[in-house]
Amino acid sequence: MYGDATTFNDGTVVEIIRSGAAANQHQNISAASSSSSTVPQVFNFIKELQCRSGHMDVPSVLRQNGTGKVVVDIGLDAGKEFFAALESGYSVFGFEANPISCIALRKKCETATGYKCIYINANNITKPLPPIPNGGYLIEGGVGSTRGLMPMSLAGPGSSLVEVAPSGWLKTRGDKDVKYKNVTILPVSDVVNTNVYFFKLDVQGYEFEVLKGAKELFDNYFVKTLLMEVYPRGLGNAGTDFMEFLSFVWNDLGMFCSSANPGGFKVNHPNSIPNFADYLKSLHDDNITKVSWGTFDDFYCFNREKIWIWG
């Protein structure tokens, strides 16, 4: 049995389904009956079907017509996904904490001609920003569970709020000394208060704190899809409890996830959340002393409680 249907401006019809504890967490959303008795787990069907060719690839959905849909992109680096989404007509909220990366990103944003792109420093954000039709925001600042300042180690794509990039990575870049910069952190729910079609997250192990700060967004609005890097070494260095992290994604955010990349986690990895948490812990323990990043993968996650039917 399905709950109430909601139709949005782009013709999307959403059926909302709730069950058990999840219903109590979303009392602001009217719904009916039970959704599914699926055992909480991490799937591997996307990896098995080879739907994604690699970690750095721009998802094909961001190259499709995005008119009327919102993308949240946290951790831009060079901005491939961010600018692809803008070029496809999405309304985009892009966040990048590394001030060095933001120099080139800002230049490209402010000189764009095919779409509207507005640069804003996170220090100047005092209330949620309205989506820009066929345009977006480049927000210089980090994302976490609370507002504040945090030191960030700067190493290009390896910049991090939770660790210093592995020595092997730094050596390839010719970095002798690690540089740090205090950056502004704020919850994504303080900035975005609208339905989200695609939510991308790549923050070198700080993912759990970002998702905690996004819970209000997931509770009060529709977040259809989440693409998230899962990097055991970084998650462990952030002090993440792997079981708590996976349970939060399933229970609190209402998302089910599949490993996605052709490399990374083994194809036949454990599926149940307790066993997969142990698997992540073993990868962290194995990789913590290595000079490289170690094993990591991407999760593609889908909203298992709010079913989107395209009209």
C-alpha atoms as a PDB file:
ATOM      1  CA  MET A   1       0.000   0.000   0.000  1.00  0.00           C
ATOM      2  CA  TYR A   2       1.273   3.451  -0.866  1.00  0.00           C
ATOM      3  CA  GLY A   3       1.039   6.751   0.938  1.00  0.00           C
ATOM      4  CA  ASP A   4       0.059  10.153  -0.395  1.00  0.00           C
ATOM      5  CA  ALA A   5       1.409  11.291  -3.755  1.00  0.00           C
ATOM      6  CA  THR A   6       3.038  14.678  -4.305  1.00  0.00           C
ATOM      7  CA  THR A   7       3.533  16.248  -7.741  1.00  0.00           C
ATOM      8  CA  PHE A   8       6.367  18.739  -8.327  1.00  0.00           C
ATOM      9  CA  ASN A   9       6.857  21.415 -10.958  1.00  0.00           C
ATOM     10  CA  ASP A  10       8.891  19.134 -13.201  1.00  0.00           C
ATOM     11  CA  GLY A  11       6.078  16.571 -13.335  1.00  0.00           C
ATOM     12  CA  THR A  12       7.657  14.235 -10.774  1.00  0.00           C
ATOM     13  CA  VAL A  13       5.187  12.265  -8.701  1.00  0.00           C
ATOM     14  CA  VAL A  14       6.449  10.980  -5.369  1.00  0.00           C
ATOM     15  CA  GLU A  15       4.792   8.252  -3.344  1.00  0.00           C
ATOM     16  CA  ILE A  16       5.897   8.245   0.295  1.00  0.00           C
ATOM     17  CA  ILE A  17       6.050   4.961   2.155  1.00  0.00           C
ATOM     18  CA  ARG A  18       6.833   4.570   5.843  1.00  0.00           C
ATOM     19  CA  SER A  19       7.308   1.703   8.236  1.00  0.00           C
ATOM     20  CA  GLY A  20       8.372   1.115  11.818  1.00  0.00           C
ATOM     21  CA  ALA A  21      10.894   3.434  13.401  1.00  0.00           C
ATOM     22  CA  ALA A  22      11.401   5.326  10.164  1.00  0.00           C
ATOM     23  CA  ALA A  23       7.813   6.564  10.322  1.00  0.00           C
ATOM     24  CA  ASN A  24       8.448   8.147  13.712  1.00  0.00           C
ATOM     25  CA  GLN A  25      11.493   9.958  12.360  1.00  0.00           C
ATOM     26  CA  HIS A  26       9.476  11.574   9.564  1.00  0.00           C
ATOM     27  CA  GLN A  27       6.246  12.568  11.254  1.00  0.00           C
ATOM     28  CA  ASN A  28       6.164  15.803   9.289  1.00  0.00           C
ATOM     29  CA  ILE A  29       5.471  13.750   6.133  1.00  0.00           C
ATOM     30  CA  SER A  30       2.059  12.165   5.771  1.00  0.00           C
ATOM     31  CA  ALA A  31       2.186   8.551   4.631  1.00  0.00           C
ATOM     32  CA  ALA A  32       0.498   5.216   5.028  1.00  0.00           C
ATOM     33  CA  SER A  33       1.193   1.564   5.723  1.00  0.00           C
ATOM     34  CA  SER A  34       4.386  -0.472   5.448  1.00  0.00           C
ATOM     35  CA  SER A  35       7.173  -0.292   2.894  1.00  0.00           C
ATOM     36  CA  SER A  36       9.390  -3.361   2.954  1.00  0.00           C
ATOM     37  CA  SER A  37      10.781  -6.039   5.210  1.00  0.00           C
ATOM     38  CA  THR A  38      14.165  -5.975   3.470  1.00  0.00           C
ATOM     39  CA  VAL A  39      16.982  -6.815   5.857  1.00  0.00           C
ATOM     40  CA  PRO A  40      19.353  -3.831   6.332  1.00  0.00           C
ATOM     41  CA  GLN A  41      22.338  -4.456   4.105  1.00  0.00           C
ATOM     42  CA  VAL A  42      24.880  -3.080   1.639  1.00  0.00           C
ATOM     43  CA  PHE A  43      24.098  -4.405  -1.840  1.00  0.00           C
ATOM     44  CA  ASN A  44      26.555  -5.026  -4.674  1.00  0.00           C
ATOM     45  CA  PHE A  45      24.262  -5.116  -7.728  1.00  0.00           C
ATOM     46  CA  ILE A  46      25.667  -1.942  -9.309  1.00  0.00           C
ATOM     47  CA  LYS A  47      29.191  -3.315  -9.042  1.00  0.00           C
ATOM     48  CA  GLU A  48      28.093  -6.693 -10.442  1.00  0.00           C
ATOM     49  CA  LEU A  49      26.260  -5.085 -13.365  1.00  0.00           C
ATOM     50  CA  GLN A  50      29.288  -2.858 -14.066  1.00  0.00           C
ATOM     51  CA  CYS A  51      27.073   0.220 -14.316  1.00  0.00           C
ATOM     52  CA  ARG A  52      29.893   2.536 -13.275  1.00  0.00           C
ATOM     53  CA  SER A  53      33.278   2.498 -14.972  1.00  0.00           C
ATOM     54  CA  GLY A  54      35.354   4.289 -12.345  1.00  0.00           C
ATOM     55  CA  HIS A  55      35.522   6.481  -9.256  1.00  0.00           C
ATOM     56  CA  MET A  56      36.405   9.697 -11.082  1.00  0.00           C
ATOM     57  CA  ASP A  57      33.799   9.399 -13.834  1.00  0.00           C
ATOM     58  CA  VAL A  58      31.029  11.984 -14.098  1.00  0.00           C
ATOM     59  CA  PRO A  59      27.724  10.109 -13.568  1.00  0.00           C
ATOM     60  CA  SER A  60      25.728   9.984 -16.794  1.00  0.00           C
ATOM     61  CA  VAL A  61      22.679  11.399 -15.019  1.00  0.00           C
ATOM     62  CA  LEU A  62      24.513  14.734 -14.681  1.00  0.00           C
ATOM     63  CA  ARG A  63      24.822  14.946 -18.468  1.00  0.00           C
ATOM     64  CA  GLN A  64      21.060  14.595 -18.981  1.00  0.00           C
ATOM     65  CA  ASN A  65      18.514  17.413 -19.006  1.00  0.00           C
ATOM     66  CA  GLY A  66      18.356  18.654 -15.424  1.00  0.00           C
ATOM     67  CA  THR A  67      15.813  21.441 -15.788  1.00  0.00           C
ATOM     68  CA  GLY A  68      13.730  21.756 -12.630  1.00  0.00           C
ATOM     69  CA  LYS A  69      15.936  19.400 -10.599  1.00  0.00           C
ATOM     70  CA  VAL A  70      18.447  20.160  -7.828  1.00  0.00           C
ATOM     71  CA  VAL A  71      21.950  18.747  -7.386  1.00  0.00           C
ATOM     72  CA  VAL A  72      24.034  19.042  -4.210  1.00  0.00           C
ATOM     73  CA  ASP A  73      27.761  18.466  -4.797  1.00  0.00           C
ATOM     74  CA  ILE A  74      30.016  18.394  -1.720  1.00  0.00           C
ATOM     75  CA  GLY A  75      33.740  18.092  -2.364  1.00  0.00           C
ATOM     76  CA  LEU A  76      34.281  19.564  -5.838  1.00  0.00           C
ATOM     77  CA  ASP A  77      38.045  19.297  -6.343  1.00  0.00           C
ATOM     78  CA  ALA A  78      38.346  20.381 -10.022  1.00  0.00           C
ATOM     79  CA  GLY A  79      34.563  20.616 -10.338  1.00  0.00           C
ATOM     80  CA  LYS A  80      33.890  18.069 -13.088  1.00  0.00           C
ATOM     81  CA  GLU A  81      30.524  16.973 -11.689  1.00  0.00           C
ATOM     82  CA  PHE A  82      29.624  20.503 -10.601  1.00  0.00           C
ATOM     83  CA  PHE A  83      30.111  22.083 -14.013  1.00  0.00           C
ATOM     84  CA  ALA A  84      28.623  19.099 -15.868  1.00  0.00           C
ATOM     85  CA  ALA A  85      25.431  19.523 -13.829  1.00  0.00           C
ATOM     86  CA  LEU A  86      25.334  23.269 -14.518  1.00  0.00           C
ATOM     87  CA  GLU A  87      25.820  22.698 -18.236  1.00  0.00           C
ATOM     88  CA  SER A  88      22.907  20.237 -18.193  1.00  0.00           C
ATOM     89  CA  GLY A  89      20.506  22.771 -16.690  1.00  0.00           C
ATOM     90  CA  TYR A  90      20.365  21.567 -13.085  1.00  0.00           C
ATOM     91  CA  SER A  91      20.078  23.930 -10.131  1.00  0.00           C
ATOM     92  CA  VAL A  92      23.325  23.197  -8.272  1.00  0.00           C
ATOM     93  CA  PHE A  93      24.678  23.791  -4.779  1.00  0.00           C
ATOM     94  CA  GLY A  94      28.430  23.127  -4.882  1.00  0.00           C
ATOM     95  CA  PHE A  95      30.685  23.142  -1.809  1.00  0.00           C
ATOM     96  CA  GLU A  96      34.494  23.144  -1.768  1.00  0.00           C
ATOM     97  CA  ALA A  97      36.491  23.666   1.429  1.00  0.00           C
ATOM     98  CA  ASN A  98      39.988  23.873  -0.094  1.00  0.00           C
ATOM     99  CA  PRO A  99      40.686  27.589  -0.680  1.00  0.00           C
ATOM    100  CA  ILE A 100      43.374  26.803  -3.257  1.00  0.00           C
ATOM    101  CA  SER A 101      40.976  24.713  -5.354  1.00  0.00           C
ATOM    102  CA  CYS A 102      38.410  27.496  -5.084  1.00  0.00           C
ATOM    103  CA  ILE A 103      40.641  29.958  -6.947  1.00  0.00           C
ATOM    104  CA  ALA A 104      40.299  28.124 -10.275  1.00  0.00           C
ATOM    105  CA  LEU A 105      36.707  27.082  -9.552  1.00  0.00           C
ATOM    106  CA  ARG A 106      35.682  30.674  -8.864  1.00  0.00           C
ATOM    107  CA  LYS A 107      37.287  31.938 -12.062  1.00  0.00           C
ATOM    108  CA  LYS A 108      35.438  29.379 -14.159  1.00  0.00           C
ATOM    109  CA  CYS A 109      32.190  30.023 -12.275  1.00  0.00           C
ATOM    110  CA  GLU A 110      32.247  33.782 -12.628  1.00  0.00           C
ATOM    111  CA  THR A 111      33.217  33.745 -16.313  1.00  0.00           C
ATOM    112  CA  ALA A 112      30.578  31.177 -17.337  1.00  0.00           C
ATOM    113  CA  THR A 113      28.246  32.246 -20.135  1.00  0.00           C
ATOM    114  CA  GLY A 114      25.874  29.291 -20.612  1.00  0.00           C
ATOM    115  CA  TYR A 115      24.433  29.372 -17.096  1.00  0.00           C
ATOM    116  CA  LYS A 116      24.355  31.571 -14.004  1.00  0.00           C
ATOM    117  CA  CYS A 117      26.994  30.725 -11.403  1.00  0.00           C
ATOM    118  CA  ILE A 118      27.332  32.703  -8.164  1.00  0.00           C
ATOM    119  CA  TYR A 119      30.356  32.464  -5.858  1.00  0.00           C
ATOM    120  CA  ILE A 120      29.684  32.893  -2.135  1.00  0.00           C
ATOM    121  CA  ASN A 121      31.860  32.383   0.927  1.00  0.00           C
ATOM    122  CA  ALA A 122      30.300  30.182   3.613  1.00  0.00           C
ATOM    123  CA  ASN A 123      30.979  32.904   6.199  1.00  0.00           C
ATOM    124  CA  ASN A 124      28.370  35.056   4.463  1.00  0.00           C
ATOM    125  CA  ILE A 125      25.574  32.457   4.525  1.00  0.00           C
ATOM    126  CA  THR A 126      23.044  33.219   7.278  1.00  0.00           C
ATOM    127  CA  LYS A 127      19.969  31.453   5.884  1.00  0.00           C
ATOM    128  CA  PRO A 128      19.090  28.862   3.226  1.00  0.00           C
ATOM    129  CA  LEU A 129      19.751  29.866  -0.368  1.00  0.00           C
ATOM    130  CA  PRO A 130      16.996  29.622  -2.989  1.00  0.00           C
ATOM    131  CA  PRO A 131      17.756  27.338  -5.956  1.00  0.00           C
ATOM    132  CA  ILE A 132      18.821  29.174  -9.102  1.00  0.00           C
ATOM    133  CA  PRO A 133      16.920  27.905 -12.161  1.00  0.00           C
ATOM    134  CA  ASN A 134      19.492  26.623 -14.679  1.00  0.00           C
ATOM    135  CA  GLY A 135      22.300  27.879 -12.460  1.00  0.00           C
ATOM    136  CA  GLY A 136      23.995  27.380  -9.151  1.00  0.00           C
ATOM    137  CA  TYR A 137      26.186  28.429  -6.265  1.00  0.00           C
ATOM    138  CA  LEU A 138      29.888  27.818  -5.778  1.00  0.00           C
ATOM    139  CA  ILE A 139      30.203  27.888  -1.985  1.00  0.00           C
ATOM    140  CA  GLU A 140      33.699  28.196  -0.547  1.00  0.00           C
ATOM    141  CA  GLY A 141      33.470  26.298   2.719  1.00  0.00           C
ATOM    142  CA  GLY A 142      33.288  22.850   4.218  1.00  0.00           C
ATOM    143  CA  VAL A 143      30.247  20.875   5.277  1.00  0.00           C
ATOM    144  CA  GLY A 144      29.758  19.052   8.568  1.00  0.00           C
ATOM    145  CA  SER A 145      27.343  18.467  11.429  1.00  0.00           C
ATOM    146  CA  THR A 146      27.732  21.888  13.099  1.00  0.00           C
ATOM    147  CA  ARG A 147      28.965  25.375  12.272  1.00  0.00           C
ATOM    148  CA  GLY A 148      32.518  26.287  13.161  1.00  0.00           C
ATOM    149  CA  LEU A 149      36.140  26.389  12.006  1.00  0.00           C
ATOM    150  CA  MET A 150      38.311  23.346  11.304  1.00  0.00           C
ATOM    151  CA  PRO A 151      41.917  22.944  10.138  1.00  0.00           C
ATOM    152  CA  MET A 152      42.212  21.346   6.714  1.00  0.00           C
ATOM    153  CA  SER A 153      45.336  19.697   5.348  1.00  0.00           C
ATOM    154  CA  LEU A 154      45.860  20.889   1.766  1.00  0.00           C
ATOM    155  CA  ALA A 155      46.950  18.396  -0.881  1.00  0.00           C
ATOM    156  CA  GLY A 156      44.787  18.877  -3.975  1.00  0.00           C
ATOM    157  CA  PRO A 157      42.271  16.014  -4.309  1.00  0.00           C
ATOM    158  CA  GLY A 158      43.767  14.549  -1.121  1.00  0.00           C
ATOM    159  CA  SER A 159      42.927  17.561   1.037  1.00  0.00           C
ATOM    160  CA  SER A 160      41.164  16.481   4.201  1.00  0.00           C
ATOM    161  CA  LEU A 161      39.568  17.592   7.440  1.00  0.00           C
ATOM    162  CA  VAL A 162      40.462  14.323   9.180  1.00  0.00           C
ATOM    163  CA  GLU A 163      43.928  13.215   8.047  1.00  0.00           C
ATOM    164  CA  VAL A 164      47.112  14.060   6.202  1.00  0.00           C
ATOM    165  CA  ALA A 165      47.309  12.537   2.735  1.00  0.00           C
ATOM    166  CA  PRO A 166      49.412   9.336   2.595  1.00  0.00           C
ATOM    167  CA  SER A 167      53.148   9.871   2.151  1.00  0.00           C
ATOM    168  CA  GLY A 168      53.153   8.096  -1.221  1.00  0.00           C
ATOM    169  CA  TRP A 169      50.559  10.555  -2.543  1.00  0.00           C
ATOM    170  CA  LEU A 170      52.439  13.567  -1.216  1.00  0.00           C
ATOM    171  CA  LYS A 171      55.654  12.299  -2.805  1.00  0.00           C
ATOM    172  CA  THR A 172      54.042  12.075  -6.256  1.00  0.00           C
ATOM    173  CA  ARG A 173      52.946  15.713  -5.874  1.00  0.00           C
ATOM    174  CA  GLY A 174      56.381  16.855  -4.714  1.00  0.00           C
ATOM    175  CA  ASP A 175      54.942  18.118  -1.415  1.00  0.00           C
ATOM    176  CA  LYS A 176      57.581  18.228   1.315  1.00  0.00           C
ATOM    177  CA  ASP A 177      55.632  20.054   3.997  1.00  0.00           C
ATOM    178  CA  VAL A 178      51.945  19.656   4.747  1.00  0.00           C
ATOM    179  CA  LYS A 179      50.073  22.948   4.670  1.00  0.00           C
ATOM    180  CA  TYR A 180      47.004  23.660   6.798  1.00  0.00           C
ATOM    181  CA  LYS A 181      44.243  26.231   6.559  1.00  0.00           C
ATOM    182  CA  ASN A 182      41.319  26.906   8.884  1.00  0.00           C
ATOM    183  CA  VAL A 183      38.083  26.623   6.910  1.00  0.00           C
ATOM    184  CA  THR A 184      34.479  27.452   7.735  1.00  0.00           C
ATOM    185  CA  ILE A 185      32.207  24.440   8.265  1.00  0.00           C
ATOM    186  CA  LEU A 186      28.412  24.486   8.206  1.00  0.00           C
ATOM    187  CA  PRO A 187      25.595  21.909   7.914  1.00  0.00           C
ATOM    188  CA  VAL A 188      24.176  21.478   4.425  1.00  0.00           C
ATOM    189  CA  SER A 189      20.678  21.768   5.959  1.00  0.00           C
ATOM    190  CA  ASP A 190      21.529  25.391   6.800  1.00  0.00           C
ATOM    191  CA  VAL A 191      21.970  26.094   3.086  1.00  0.00           C
ATOM    192  CA  VAL A 192      19.647  23.759   1.161  1.00  0.00           C
ATOM    193  CA  ASN A 193      15.942  23.444   1.966  1.00  0.00           C
ATOM    194  CA  THR A 194      14.475  21.965  -1.171  1.00  0.00           C
ATOM    195  CA  ASN A 195      14.009  18.563  -2.792  1.00  0.00           C
ATOM    196  CA  VAL A 196      17.255  17.098  -4.134  1.00  0.00           C
ATOM    197  CA  TYR A 197      17.467  14.894  -7.213  1.00  0.00           C
ATOM    198  CA  PHE A 198      21.142  13.965  -6.872  1.00  0.00           C
ATOM    199  CA  PHE A 199      23.400  14.362  -3.822  1.00  0.00           C
ATOM    200  CA  LYS A 200      27.142  13.734  -4.343  1.00  0.00           C
ATOM    201  CA  LEU A 201      29.555  13.452  -1.427  1.00  0.00           C
ATOM    202  CA  ASP A 202      33.351  13.054  -1.539  1.00  0.00           C
ATOM    203  CA  VAL A 203      35.102  14.443   1.541  1.00  0.00           C
ATOM    204  CA  GLN A 204      37.975  12.048   2.297  1.00  0.00           C
ATOM    205  CA  GLY A 205      36.486  10.315   5.325  1.00  0.00           C
ATOM    206  CA  TYR A 206      34.340  13.134   6.756  1.00  0.00           C
ATOM    207  CA  GLU A 207      31.166  11.710   5.196  1.00  0.00           C
ATOM    208  CA  PHE A 208      29.421  10.741   8.438  1.00  0.00           C
ATOM    209  CA  GLU A 209      29.637  14.260   9.867  1.00  0.00           C
ATOM    210  CA  VAL A 210      28.318  15.703   6.596  1.00  0.00           C
ATOM    211  CA  LEU A 211      25.351  13.324   6.616  1.00  0.00           C
ATOM    212  CA  LYS A 212      24.554  14.128  10.240  1.00  0.00           C
ATOM    213  CA  GLY A 213      24.331  17.766   9.208  1.00  0.00           C
ATOM    214  CA  ALA A 214      22.089  16.771   6.293  1.00  0.00           C
ATOM    215  CA  LYS A 215      19.543  14.830   8.342  1.00  0.00           C
ATOM    216  CA  GLU A 216      17.100  17.746   8.491  1.00  0.00           C
ATOM    217  CA  LEU A 217      17.242  17.929   4.694  1.00  0.00           C
ATOM    218  CA  PHE A 218      16.567  14.190   4.360  1.00  0.00           C
ATOM    219  CA  ASP A 219      13.772  14.384   6.952  1.00  0.00           C
ATOM    220  CA  ASN A 220      11.892  17.341   5.522  1.00  0.00           C
ATOM    221  CA  TYR A 221      12.522  17.054   1.782  1.00  0.00           C
ATOM    222  CA  PHE A 222      12.969  14.389  -0.888  1.00  0.00           C
ATOM    223  CA  VAL A 223      16.540  13.296  -1.566  1.00  0.00           C
ATOM    224  CA  LYS A 224      16.290  10.819  -4.417  1.00  0.00           C
ATOM    225  CA  THR A 225      19.850   9.592  -4.953  1.00  0.00           C
ATOM    226  CA  LEU A 226      23.128   9.744  -3.030  1.00  0.00           C
ATOM    227  CA  LEU A 227      26.543   9.051  -4.558  1.00  0.00           C
ATOM    228  CA  MET A 228      29.116   8.813  -1.780  1.00  0.00           C
ATOM    229  CA  GLU A 229      32.765   7.851  -1.568  1.00  0.00           C
ATOM    230  CA  VAL A 230      33.399   5.235   1.119  1.00  0.00           C
ATOM    231  CA  TYR A 231      37.050   5.390   2.164  1.00  0.00           C
ATOM    232  CA  PRO A 232      37.723   3.156   5.196  1.00  0.00           C
ATOM    233  CA  ARG A 233      41.090   4.685   6.081  1.00  0.00           C
ATOM    234  CA  GLY A 234      39.667   8.212   6.173  1.00  0.00           C
ATOM    235  CA  LEU A 235      36.465   7.191   7.950  1.00  0.00           C
ATOM    236  CA  GLY A 236      38.503   5.470  10.640  1.00  0.00           C
ATOM    237  CA  ASN A 237      40.814   8.465  11.010  1.00  0.00           C
ATOM    238  CA  ALA A 238      37.698  10.599  11.552  1.00  0.00           C
ATOM    239  CA  GLY A 239      36.768   8.354  14.490  1.00  0.00           C
ATOM    240  CA  THR A 240      33.775   6.889  12.661  1.00  0.00           C
ATOM    241  CA  ASP A 241      32.063   3.851  14.140  1.00  0.00           C
ATOM    242  CA  PHE A 242      31.406   1.849  10.956  1.00  0.00           C
ATOM    243  CA  MET A 243      28.303   0.108  12.311  1.00  0.00           C
ATOM    244  CA  GLU A 244      26.821   3.408  13.465  1.00  0.00           C
ATOM    245  CA  PHE A 245      27.605   5.025  10.118  1.00  0.00           C
ATOM    246  CA  LEU A 246      25.949   2.296   8.026  1.00  0.00           C
ATOM    247  CA  SER A 247      22.938   2.086  10.334  1.00  0.00           C
ATOM    248  CA  PHE A 248      22.499   5.868  10.137  1.00  0.00           C
ATOM    249  CA  VAL A 249      22.383   5.780   6.342  1.00  0.00           C
ATOM    250  CA  TRP A 250      19.809   2.957   6.355  1.00  0.00           C
ATOM    251  CA  ASN A 251      17.624   3.891   9.335  1.00  0.00           C
ATOM    252  CA  ASP A 252      17.940   7.651   9.818  1.00  0.00           C
ATOM    253  CA  LEU A 253      18.295   8.722   6.188  1.00  0.00           C
ATOM    254  CA  GLY A 254      16.162   5.924   4.748  1.00  0.00           C
ATOM    255  CA  MET A 255      18.646   5.044   2.002  1.00  0.00           C
ATOM    256  CA  PHE A 256      19.761   1.673   0.663  1.00  0.00           C
ATOM    257  CA  CYS A 257      23.169   1.501  -0.979  1.00  0.00           C
ATOM    258  CA  SER A 258      25.159  -0.617  -3.395  1.00  0.00           C
ATOM    259  CA  SER A 259      28.905  -0.659  -3.916  1.00  0.00           C
ATOM    260  CA  ALA A 260      29.479   0.711  -7.386  1.00  0.00           C
ATOM    261  CA  ASN A 261      33.013   0.732  -8.771  1.00  0.00           C
ATOM    262  CA  PRO A 262      34.607  -2.083 -10.803  1.00  0.00           C
ATOM    263  CA  GLY A 263      37.596  -1.950  -8.441  1.00  0.00           C
ATOM    264  CA  GLY A 264      37.546  -1.094  -4.785  1.00  0.00           C
ATOM    265  CA  PHE A 265      35.590  -3.431  -2.524  1.00  0.00           C
ATOM    266  CA  LYS A 266      35.506  -7.081  -3.540  1.00  0.00           C
ATOM    267  CA  VAL A 267      32.479  -8.081  -5.635  1.00  0.00           C
ATOM    268  CA  ASN A 268      31.375 -10.712  -3.139  1.00  0.00           C
ATOM    269  CA  HIS A 269      31.753  -8.462  -0.098  1.00  0.00           C
ATOM    270  CA  PRO A 270      29.572  -9.137   2.972  1.00  0.00           C
ATOM    271  CA  ASN A 271      26.071  -7.714   2.650  1.00  0.00           C
ATOM    272  CA  SER A 272      24.549  -7.512   6.126  1.00  0.00           C
ATOM    273  CA  ILE A 273      25.319  -4.233   7.855  1.00  0.00           C
ATOM    274  CA  PRO A 274      27.133  -5.816  10.848  1.00  0.00           C
ATOM    275  CA  ASN A 275      29.308  -7.961   8.579  1.00  0.00           C
ATOM    276  CA  PHE A 276      29.984  -5.107   6.164  1.00  0.00           C
ATOM    277  CA  ALA A 277      30.946  -2.874   9.104  1.00  0.00           C
ATOM    278  CA  ASP A 278      33.485  -5.524  10.133  1.00  0.00           C
ATOM    279  CA  TYR A 279      34.738  -5.612   6.527  1.00  0.00           C
ATOM    280  CA  LEU A 280      35.295  -1.823   6.522  1.00  0.00           C
ATOM    281  CA  LYS A 281      37.099  -2.080   9.863  1.00  0.00           C
ATOM    282  CA  SER A 282      39.408  -4.766   8.459  1.00  0.00           C
ATOM    283  CA  LEU A 283      40.203  -2.588   5.425  1.00  0.00           C
ATOM    284  CA  HIS A 284      40.961   0.362   7.685  1.00  0.00           C
ATOM    285  CA  ASP A 285      43.243  -1.712   9.894  1.00  0.00           C
ATOM    286  CA  ASP A 286      45.028  -3.149   6.868  1.00  0.00           C
ATOM    287  CA  ASN A 287      45.525   0.204   5.132  1.00  0.00           C
ATOM    288  CA  ILE A 288      46.322   2.543   8.017  1.00  0.00           C
ATOM    289  CA  THR A 289      50.095   2.040   7.803  1.00  0.00           C
ATOM    290  CA  LYS A 290      50.389   2.009   4.006  1.00  0.00           C
ATOM    291  CA  VAL A 291      51.863   4.849   1.958  1.00  0.00           C
ATOM    292  CA  SER A 292      48.867   4.888  -0.421  1.00  0.00           C
ATOM    293  CA  TRP A 293      45.157   5.463   0.065  1.00  0.00           C
ATOM    294  CA  GLY A 294      44.303   1.793   0.352  1.00  0.00           C
ATOM    295  CA  THR A 295      40.968   0.305  -0.665  1.00  0.00           C
ATOM    296  CA  PHE A 296      37.967   2.573  -1.273  1.00  0.00           C
ATOM    297  CA  ASP A 297      34.787   2.506  -3.336  1.00  0.00           C
ATOM    298  CA  ASP A 298      31.659   4.504  -4.093  1.00  0.00           C
ATOM    299  CA  PHE A 299      28.170   3.856  -2.792  1.00  0.00           C
ATOM    300  CA  TYR A 300      25.171   4.558  -4.995  1.00  0.00           C
ATOM    301  CA  CYS A 301      22.255   4.995  -2.597  1.00  0.00           C
ATOM    302  CA  PHE A 302      18.550   5.277  -3.304  1.00  0.00           C
ATOM    303  CA  ASN A 303      15.687   6.458  -1.149  1.00  0.00           C
ATOM    304  CA  ARG A 304      13.930   3.292   0.013  1.00  0.00           C
ATOM    305  CA  GLU A 305      11.100   5.139   1.784  1.00  0.00           C
ATOM    306  CA  LYS A 306      10.084   7.765  -0.757  1.00  0.00           C
ATOM    307  CA  ILE A 307       9.364   6.179  -4.116  1.00  0.00           C
ATOM    308  CA  TRP A 308       9.746   8.476  -7.118  1.00  0.00           C
ATOM    309  CA  ILE A 309       7.424   7.840 -10.078  1.00  0.00           C
ATOM    310  CA  TRP A 310       8.214   9.904 -13.146  1.00  0.00           C
ATOM    311  CA  GLY A 311       5.145  11.341 -14.825  1.00  0.00           C
END
